């Protein structure tokens, strides 16, 4: 990912702590943030009348909220947040780097050419690999950003 894009994202990241058993994201609610797990374990799952779906464990290096990248890349109005399709709940105490949807929208708007050129021509498998690489790059850049500030 372009260094300027990483810097812009890092400028908007906040380290947020979630206590064990607290809900981070609710299914069906507007998805207002993207999070990158830096510590702890969160569970991601859907609810249904017949029970819950398979639980995906989110651990250090994982992220949730990639739907916001699609939303921001379409440059839709702020009122059109996508709804979360899953519940994300802290299984243990969790620390995560969080970027709010409006801040992500600002970054994507500023660097629209980067996102449209790179993401528009990828298949699903390539996009998934790119998302994991981007998440790792963002976390590494954040650590560098913090070290530089000290």
N, C-alpha and C. Protein backbone atom coordinates (compact mmCIF):
# COMPACT_ATOMS: atom_id res chain seq x y z
N UNK A 1 0.86 -1.18 0.00
CA UNK A 1 0.00 0.00 0.00
C UNK A 1 0.90 1.23 0.00
N UNK A 2 0.50 2.24 -0.70
CA UNK A 2 1.25 3.49 -0.83
C UNK A 2 1.52 4.10 0.55
N UNK A 3 2.74 4.57 0.74
CA UNK A 3 3.16 5.15 2.02
C UNK A 3 2.28 6.32 2.45
N UNK A 4 1.87 7.15 1.50
CA UNK A 4 1.02 8.31 1.84
C UNK A 4 -0.36 7.86 2.31
N UNK A 5 -0.87 6.80 1.71
CA UNK A 5 -2.17 6.26 2.12
C UNK A 5 -2.06 5.70 3.54
N UNK A 6 -0.99 4.94 3.81
CA UNK A 6 -0.79 4.40 5.16
C UNK A 6 -0.69 5.51 6.20
N UNK A 7 0.07 6.56 5.89
CA UNK A 7 0.19 7.70 6.82
C UNK A 7 -1.17 8.33 7.08
N UNK A 8 -1.96 8.51 6.03
CA UNK A 8 -3.28 9.12 6.18
C UNK A 8 -4.19 8.26 7.04
N UNK A 9 -4.13 6.94 6.85
CA UNK A 9 -4.94 6.04 7.67
C UNK A 9 -4.47 6.10 9.12
N UNK A 10 -3.16 6.05 9.34
CA UNK A 10 -2.61 6.09 10.71
C UNK A 10 -2.99 7.37 11.44
N UNK A 11 -3.10 8.46 10.71
CA UNK A 11 -3.49 9.72 11.33
C UNK A 11 -4.89 9.64 11.95
N UNK A 12 -5.70 8.71 11.47
CA UNK A 12 -7.08 8.58 11.95
C UNK A 12 -7.31 7.39 12.87
N UNK A 13 -6.32 6.52 13.02
CA UNK A 13 -6.49 5.34 13.88
C UNK A 13 -6.48 5.71 15.35
N UNK A 14 -7.31 5.04 16.11
CA UNK A 14 -7.34 5.20 17.56
C UNK A 14 -7.22 3.81 18.18
N UNK A 15 -6.44 3.69 19.25
CA UNK A 15 -6.35 2.43 19.97
C UNK A 15 -7.52 2.38 20.96
N UNK A 16 -8.36 1.37 20.82
CA UNK A 16 -9.56 1.25 21.65
C UNK A 16 -9.50 -0.08 22.39
N UNK A 17 -9.89 -0.07 23.67
CA UNK A 17 -9.93 -1.28 24.49
C UNK A 17 -11.37 -1.68 24.72
N UNK A 18 -11.63 -2.97 24.56
CA UNK A 18 -12.95 -3.54 24.80
C UNK A 18 -12.83 -4.59 25.89
N UNK A 19 -13.70 -4.53 26.88
CA UNK A 19 -13.67 -5.49 27.99
C UNK A 19 -14.26 -6.82 27.56
N UNK A 20 -13.80 -7.86 28.22
CA UNK A 20 -14.29 -9.22 27.98
C UNK A 20 -15.81 -9.26 28.02
N UNK A 21 -16.41 -9.97 27.10
CA UNK A 21 -17.86 -10.19 26.98
C UNK A 21 -18.65 -8.97 26.52
N UNK A 22 -18.00 -7.89 26.14
CA UNK A 22 -18.71 -6.71 25.63
C UNK A 22 -18.86 -6.81 24.11
N UNK A 23 -19.98 -6.28 23.63
CA UNK A 23 -20.22 -6.26 22.19
C UNK A 23 -19.45 -5.10 21.57
N UNK A 24 -18.78 -5.40 20.46
CA UNK A 24 -18.02 -4.39 19.73
C UNK A 24 -18.85 -3.88 18.56
N UNK A 25 -19.51 -4.80 17.86
CA UNK A 25 -20.37 -4.48 16.72
C UNK A 25 -21.62 -5.34 16.83
N UNK A 26 -22.77 -4.74 16.56
CA UNK A 26 -24.04 -5.48 16.60
C UNK A 26 -24.52 -5.77 15.18
N UNK A 27 -25.00 -6.97 14.97
CA UNK A 27 -25.57 -7.36 13.68
C UNK A 27 -26.78 -6.48 13.35
N UNK A 28 -26.85 -6.01 12.11
CA UNK A 28 -27.97 -5.20 11.67
C UNK A 28 -27.84 -3.72 11.96
N UNK A 29 -26.89 -3.35 12.79
CA UNK A 29 -26.65 -1.94 13.11
C UNK A 29 -25.73 -1.33 12.05
N UNK A 30 -25.78 -0.01 11.87
CA UNK A 30 -24.85 0.62 10.91
C UNK A 30 -23.39 0.33 11.30
N UNK A 31 -22.62 -0.06 10.32
CA UNK A 31 -21.21 -0.36 10.53
C UNK A 31 -20.45 0.95 10.45
N UNK A 32 -20.07 1.48 11.59
CA UNK A 32 -19.48 2.81 11.67
C UNK A 32 -17.98 2.81 11.88
N UNK A 33 -17.36 1.60 11.90
CA UNK A 33 -15.92 1.54 12.14
C UNK A 33 -15.34 0.27 11.55
N UNK A 34 -14.06 0.35 11.26
CA UNK A 34 -13.28 -0.81 10.85
C UNK A 34 -12.26 -1.02 11.95
N UNK A 35 -12.06 -2.28 12.36
CA UNK A 35 -11.13 -2.51 13.44
C UNK A 35 -10.09 -3.56 13.07
N UNK A 36 -8.89 -3.35 13.63
CA UNK A 36 -7.74 -4.22 13.42
C UNK A 36 -7.33 -4.71 14.81
N UNK A 37 -7.48 -6.00 15.07
CA UNK A 37 -7.20 -6.56 16.39
C UNK A 37 -5.68 -6.54 16.63
N UNK A 38 -5.28 -5.96 17.76
CA UNK A 38 -3.86 -5.94 18.12
C UNK A 38 -3.57 -6.80 19.34
N UNK A 39 -4.63 -7.13 20.10
CA UNK A 39 -4.44 -7.95 21.29
C UNK A 39 -5.79 -8.54 21.70
N UNK A 40 -5.76 -9.78 22.19
CA UNK A 40 -6.98 -10.41 22.67
C UNK A 40 -7.69 -11.21 21.58
N UNK A 41 -8.88 -11.69 21.94
CA UNK A 41 -9.69 -12.51 21.04
C UNK A 41 -11.11 -12.00 21.01
N UNK A 42 -11.64 -11.82 19.81
CA UNK A 42 -13.04 -11.45 19.64
C UNK A 42 -13.70 -12.54 18.81
N UNK A 43 -15.00 -12.70 18.98
CA UNK A 43 -15.76 -13.66 18.19
C UNK A 43 -16.62 -12.90 17.19
N UNK A 44 -16.70 -13.42 15.98
CA UNK A 44 -17.55 -12.86 14.94
C UNK A 44 -18.54 -13.95 14.54
N UNK A 45 -19.84 -13.62 14.58
CA UNK A 45 -20.86 -14.61 14.25
C UNK A 45 -22.17 -13.91 13.90
N UNK A 46 -23.10 -14.66 13.32
CA UNK A 46 -24.43 -14.14 13.04
C UNK A 46 -25.43 -14.82 13.96
N UNK A 47 -26.53 -14.15 14.20
CA UNK A 47 -27.59 -14.76 15.01
C UNK A 47 -28.72 -15.16 14.07
N UNK A 48 -29.52 -16.09 14.52
CA UNK A 48 -30.69 -16.50 13.75
C UNK A 48 -31.69 -17.14 14.71
N UNK A 49 -32.89 -17.35 14.23
CA UNK A 49 -33.92 -17.96 15.07
C UNK A 49 -33.53 -19.37 15.49
N UNK A 50 -32.75 -20.05 14.67
CA UNK A 50 -32.37 -21.43 14.98
C UNK A 50 -31.03 -21.53 15.71
N UNK A 51 -30.50 -20.43 16.16
CA UNK A 51 -29.23 -20.44 16.86
C UNK A 51 -28.23 -19.52 16.18
N UNK A 52 -26.95 -19.76 16.43
CA UNK A 52 -25.93 -18.90 15.85
C UNK A 52 -25.14 -19.65 14.79
N UNK A 53 -24.49 -18.90 13.94
CA UNK A 53 -23.66 -19.49 12.89
C UNK A 53 -22.33 -19.92 13.48
N UNK A 54 -21.49 -20.46 12.63
CA UNK A 54 -20.14 -20.81 13.06
C UNK A 54 -19.43 -19.56 13.56
N UNK A 55 -18.71 -19.72 14.62
CA UNK A 55 -17.99 -18.59 15.22
C UNK A 55 -16.60 -18.50 14.61
N UNK A 56 -16.25 -17.31 14.18
CA UNK A 56 -14.90 -17.05 13.68
C UNK A 56 -14.16 -16.29 14.76
N UNK A 57 -13.00 -16.78 15.15
CA UNK A 57 -12.18 -16.09 16.14
C UNK A 57 -11.34 -15.04 15.44
N UNK A 58 -11.39 -13.83 15.95
CA UNK A 58 -10.55 -12.74 15.47
C UNK A 58 -9.45 -12.53 16.49
N UNK A 59 -8.22 -12.65 16.06
CA UNK A 59 -7.07 -12.51 16.95
C UNK A 59 -6.11 -11.47 16.37
N UNK A 60 -5.01 -11.26 17.06
CA UNK A 60 -4.01 -10.28 16.62
C UNK A 60 -3.72 -10.46 15.13
N UNK A 61 -3.82 -9.35 14.39
CA UNK A 61 -3.58 -9.37 12.96
C UNK A 61 -4.84 -9.47 12.12
N UNK A 62 -5.97 -9.88 12.74
CA UNK A 62 -7.23 -9.97 12.02
C UNK A 62 -7.95 -8.63 12.03
N UNK A 63 -8.92 -8.49 11.15
CA UNK A 63 -9.67 -7.24 11.07
C UNK A 63 -11.13 -7.53 10.79
N UNK A 64 -11.97 -6.54 11.04
CA UNK A 64 -13.40 -6.64 10.74
C UNK A 64 -13.86 -5.29 10.21
N UNK A 65 -14.75 -5.34 9.23
CA UNK A 65 -15.33 -4.11 8.71
C UNK A 65 -14.89 -3.77 7.31
N UNK A 66 -14.38 -4.76 6.57
CA UNK A 66 -13.90 -4.47 5.22
C UNK A 66 -15.01 -4.01 4.29
N UNK A 67 -16.28 -4.22 4.68
CA UNK A 67 -17.40 -3.68 3.89
C UNK A 67 -17.30 -2.16 3.77
N UNK A 68 -16.67 -1.54 4.78
CA UNK A 68 -16.52 -0.08 4.74
C UNK A 68 -15.61 0.37 3.60
N UNK A 69 -14.64 -0.46 3.21
CA UNK A 69 -13.80 -0.09 2.07
C UNK A 69 -14.63 -0.01 0.80
N UNK A 70 -15.52 -0.99 0.61
CA UNK A 70 -16.41 -0.95 -0.56
C UNK A 70 -17.33 0.26 -0.49
N UNK A 71 -17.87 0.53 0.68
CA UNK A 71 -18.76 1.69 0.88
C UNK A 71 -18.02 2.99 0.57
N UNK A 72 -16.83 3.15 1.14
CA UNK A 72 -16.07 4.39 0.95
C UNK A 72 -15.61 4.55 -0.50
N UNK A 73 -15.29 3.45 -1.15
CA UNK A 73 -14.80 3.56 -2.53
C UNK A 73 -15.91 3.97 -3.50
N UNK A 74 -17.16 3.80 -3.09
CA UNK A 74 -18.28 4.26 -3.92
C UNK A 74 -18.63 5.71 -3.64
N UNK A 75 -17.97 6.31 -2.65
CA UNK A 75 -18.18 7.72 -2.29
C UNK A 75 -19.66 8.03 -2.06
N UNK A 76 -20.31 7.17 -1.27
CA UNK A 76 -21.72 7.37 -0.95
C UNK A 76 -21.85 8.35 0.21
N UNK A 77 -23.03 8.93 0.39
CA UNK A 77 -23.21 9.87 1.50
C UNK A 77 -23.07 9.18 2.85
N UNK A 78 -22.74 9.97 3.86
CA UNK A 78 -22.53 9.42 5.20
C UNK A 78 -23.73 8.68 5.74
N UNK A 79 -24.93 9.05 5.33
CA UNK A 79 -26.13 8.41 5.86
C UNK A 79 -26.30 6.99 5.35
N UNK A 80 -25.53 6.60 4.36
CA UNK A 80 -25.71 5.29 3.75
C UNK A 80 -24.71 4.25 4.25
N UNK A 81 -24.37 4.28 5.55
CA UNK A 81 -23.46 3.28 6.09
C UNK A 81 -24.02 1.89 5.79
N UNK A 82 -23.16 0.93 5.49
CA UNK A 82 -23.65 -0.45 5.37
C UNK A 82 -24.01 -0.97 6.76
N UNK A 83 -24.92 -1.91 6.81
CA UNK A 83 -25.25 -2.54 8.09
C UNK A 83 -24.30 -3.71 8.32
N UNK A 84 -23.95 -3.93 9.57
CA UNK A 84 -23.10 -5.06 9.91
C UNK A 84 -23.88 -6.35 9.69
N UNK A 85 -23.23 -7.32 9.09
CA UNK A 85 -23.85 -8.62 8.85
C UNK A 85 -23.52 -9.61 9.97
N UNK A 86 -22.72 -9.17 10.92
CA UNK A 86 -22.29 -10.05 12.01
C UNK A 86 -22.27 -9.32 13.35
N UNK A 87 -22.24 -10.11 14.39
CA UNK A 87 -21.99 -9.63 15.74
C UNK A 87 -20.49 -9.81 15.98
N UNK A 88 -19.84 -8.83 16.58
CA UNK A 88 -18.46 -8.99 17.01
C UNK A 88 -18.46 -8.73 18.51
N UNK A 89 -18.00 -9.73 19.26
CA UNK A 89 -18.03 -9.66 20.72
C UNK A 89 -16.65 -10.01 21.26
N UNK A 90 -16.19 -9.23 22.24
CA UNK A 90 -14.89 -9.50 22.87
C UNK A 90 -15.00 -10.78 23.70
N UNK A 91 -14.23 -11.79 23.35
CA UNK A 91 -14.19 -13.03 24.12
C UNK A 91 -13.25 -12.86 25.32
N UNK A 92 -12.16 -12.14 25.11
CA UNK A 92 -11.24 -11.75 26.17
C UNK A 92 -11.14 -10.23 26.11
N UNK A 93 -10.33 -9.63 26.95
CA UNK A 93 -10.08 -8.20 26.78
C UNK A 93 -9.41 -8.02 25.42
N UNK A 94 -9.89 -7.04 24.66
CA UNK A 94 -9.42 -6.83 23.30
C UNK A 94 -8.91 -5.40 23.14
N UNK A 95 -7.79 -5.27 22.46
CA UNK A 95 -7.31 -3.97 22.00
C UNK A 95 -7.36 -3.99 20.49
N UNK A 96 -7.85 -2.90 19.92
CA UNK A 96 -7.95 -2.83 18.46
C UNK A 96 -7.66 -1.42 17.99
N UNK A 97 -7.05 -1.34 16.83
CA UNK A 97 -6.92 -0.06 16.14
C UNK A 97 -8.21 0.15 15.37
N UNK A 98 -8.82 1.30 15.56
CA UNK A 98 -10.14 1.57 14.98
C UNK A 98 -10.06 2.82 14.11
N UNK A 99 -10.65 2.72 12.93
CA UNK A 99 -10.84 3.89 12.09
C UNK A 99 -12.34 4.03 11.87
N UNK A 100 -12.85 5.20 12.15
CA UNK A 100 -14.28 5.48 11.98
C UNK A 100 -14.60 5.59 10.49
N UNK A 101 -15.83 5.26 10.15
CA UNK A 101 -16.27 5.25 8.75
C UNK A 101 -16.06 6.59 8.07
N UNK A 102 -16.40 7.68 8.75
CA UNK A 102 -16.25 8.99 8.11
C UNK A 102 -14.78 9.32 7.86
N UNK A 103 -13.88 8.89 8.76
CA UNK A 103 -12.45 9.12 8.54
C UNK A 103 -11.91 8.26 7.40
N UNK A 104 -12.38 7.01 7.33
CA UNK A 104 -11.98 6.15 6.22
C UNK A 104 -12.47 6.74 4.90
N UNK A 105 -13.67 7.27 4.90
CA UNK A 105 -14.23 7.91 3.71
C UNK A 105 -13.36 9.09 3.28
N UNK A 106 -12.87 9.86 4.25
CA UNK A 106 -11.99 11.00 3.96
C UNK A 106 -10.71 10.52 3.29
N UNK A 107 -10.10 9.46 3.82
CA UNK A 107 -8.86 8.92 3.25
C UNK A 107 -9.10 8.40 1.84
N UNK A 108 -10.16 7.62 1.66
CA UNK A 108 -10.45 7.06 0.33
C UNK A 108 -10.76 8.18 -0.66
N UNK A 109 -11.49 9.21 -0.22
CA UNK A 109 -11.79 10.33 -1.11
C UNK A 109 -10.51 11.06 -1.53
N UNK A 110 -9.59 11.21 -0.58
CA UNK A 110 -8.34 11.90 -0.86
C UNK A 110 -7.44 11.11 -1.80
N UNK A 111 -7.46 9.79 -1.66
CA UNK A 111 -6.60 8.92 -2.47
C UNK A 111 -7.43 8.02 -3.37
N UNK A 112 -8.52 8.52 -3.90
CA UNK A 112 -9.46 7.72 -4.70
C UNK A 112 -8.77 6.97 -5.83
N UNK A 113 -7.79 7.60 -6.45
CA UNK A 113 -7.08 6.98 -7.57
C UNK A 113 -6.38 5.70 -7.15
N UNK A 114 -5.84 5.69 -5.93
CA UNK A 114 -5.14 4.50 -5.42
C UNK A 114 -6.12 3.34 -5.27
N UNK A 115 -7.26 3.62 -4.68
CA UNK A 115 -8.24 2.56 -4.43
C UNK A 115 -8.93 2.10 -5.71
N UNK A 116 -9.28 3.02 -6.59
CA UNK A 116 -9.98 2.62 -7.82
C UNK A 116 -9.06 1.85 -8.76
N UNK A 117 -7.80 2.25 -8.85
CA UNK A 117 -6.86 1.56 -9.74
C UNK A 117 -6.51 0.17 -9.25
N UNK A 118 -6.33 0.03 -7.95
CA UNK A 118 -5.87 -1.24 -7.40
C UNK A 118 -7.01 -2.23 -7.16
N UNK A 119 -8.09 -1.78 -6.55
CA UNK A 119 -9.15 -2.69 -6.14
C UNK A 119 -10.10 -3.07 -7.26
N UNK A 120 -10.24 -2.19 -8.23
CA UNK A 120 -11.23 -2.41 -9.28
C UNK A 120 -10.95 -3.59 -10.19
N UNK A 121 -9.71 -4.05 -10.25
CA UNK A 121 -9.34 -5.10 -11.20
C UNK A 121 -8.98 -6.42 -10.52
N UNK A 122 -9.38 -6.60 -9.27
CA UNK A 122 -9.02 -7.82 -8.55
C UNK A 122 -10.20 -8.78 -8.46
N UNK A 123 -9.87 -10.09 -8.51
CA UNK A 123 -10.90 -11.08 -8.24
C UNK A 123 -11.01 -11.27 -6.73
N UNK A 124 -11.96 -12.08 -6.29
CA UNK A 124 -12.23 -12.25 -4.85
C UNK A 124 -11.00 -12.74 -4.08
N UNK A 125 -10.29 -13.70 -4.62
CA UNK A 125 -9.11 -14.25 -3.95
C UNK A 125 -8.00 -13.20 -3.82
N UNK A 126 -7.75 -12.48 -4.89
CA UNK A 126 -6.73 -11.43 -4.87
C UNK A 126 -7.12 -10.33 -3.89
N UNK A 127 -8.40 -9.98 -3.86
CA UNK A 127 -8.88 -8.93 -2.96
C UNK A 127 -8.70 -9.35 -1.51
N UNK A 128 -8.98 -10.61 -1.20
CA UNK A 128 -8.82 -11.10 0.18
C UNK A 128 -7.35 -11.05 0.60
N UNK A 129 -6.45 -11.48 -0.26
CA UNK A 129 -5.01 -11.41 0.05
C UNK A 129 -4.57 -9.97 0.24
N UNK A 130 -5.08 -9.09 -0.61
CA UNK A 130 -4.74 -7.67 -0.52
C UNK A 130 -5.23 -7.07 0.79
N UNK A 131 -6.43 -7.46 1.22
CA UNK A 131 -6.98 -6.94 2.46
C UNK A 131 -6.13 -7.36 3.66
N UNK A 132 -5.69 -8.62 3.68
CA UNK A 132 -4.85 -9.08 4.80
C UNK A 132 -3.49 -8.39 4.78
N UNK A 133 -2.93 -8.20 3.60
CA UNK A 133 -1.67 -7.48 3.48
C UNK A 133 -1.83 -6.04 3.93
N UNK A 134 -2.93 -5.42 3.53
CA UNK A 134 -3.18 -4.03 3.94
C UNK A 134 -3.34 -3.94 5.46
N UNK A 135 -4.05 -4.89 6.06
CA UNK A 135 -4.24 -4.89 7.51
C UNK A 135 -2.89 -5.00 8.22
N UNK A 136 -2.02 -5.89 7.74
CA UNK A 136 -0.69 -6.03 8.33
C UNK A 136 0.13 -4.77 8.15
N UNK A 137 0.05 -4.17 6.97
CA UNK A 137 0.79 -2.94 6.69
C UNK A 137 0.33 -1.80 7.58
N UNK A 138 -0.98 -1.70 7.77
CA UNK A 138 -1.53 -0.64 8.62
C UNK A 138 -1.05 -0.81 10.05
N UNK A 139 -1.06 -2.05 10.57
CA UNK A 139 -0.61 -2.28 11.94
C UNK A 139 0.88 -2.00 12.09
N UNK A 140 1.68 -2.41 11.12
CA UNK A 140 3.13 -2.14 11.18
C UNK A 140 3.39 -0.63 11.11
N UNK A 141 2.68 0.04 10.23
CA UNK A 141 2.85 1.49 10.09
C UNK A 141 2.42 2.20 11.37
N UNK A 142 1.37 1.72 12.03
CA UNK A 142 0.91 2.31 13.29
C UNK A 142 1.98 2.18 14.36
N UNK A 143 2.61 0.99 14.46
CA UNK A 143 3.67 0.81 15.45
C UNK A 143 4.83 1.78 15.18
N UNK A 144 5.19 1.94 13.91
CA UNK A 144 6.24 2.88 13.53
C UNK A 144 5.82 4.31 13.86
N UNK A 145 4.58 4.62 13.57
CA UNK A 145 4.00 5.95 13.83
C UNK A 145 4.09 6.27 15.33
N UNK A 146 3.77 5.29 16.18
CA UNK A 146 3.84 5.48 17.63
C UNK A 146 5.29 5.66 18.10
N UNK A 147 6.18 4.83 17.58
CA UNK A 147 7.59 4.91 17.97
C UNK A 147 8.19 6.26 17.58
N UNK A 148 7.79 6.76 16.44
CA UNK A 148 8.29 8.05 15.96
C UNK A 148 7.79 9.20 16.83
N UNK A 149 6.60 9.04 17.39
CA UNK A 149 6.00 10.10 18.21
C UNK A 149 6.63 10.18 19.59
N UNK A 150 7.29 9.11 20.03
CA UNK A 150 7.88 9.07 21.37
C UNK A 150 9.21 9.71 21.42
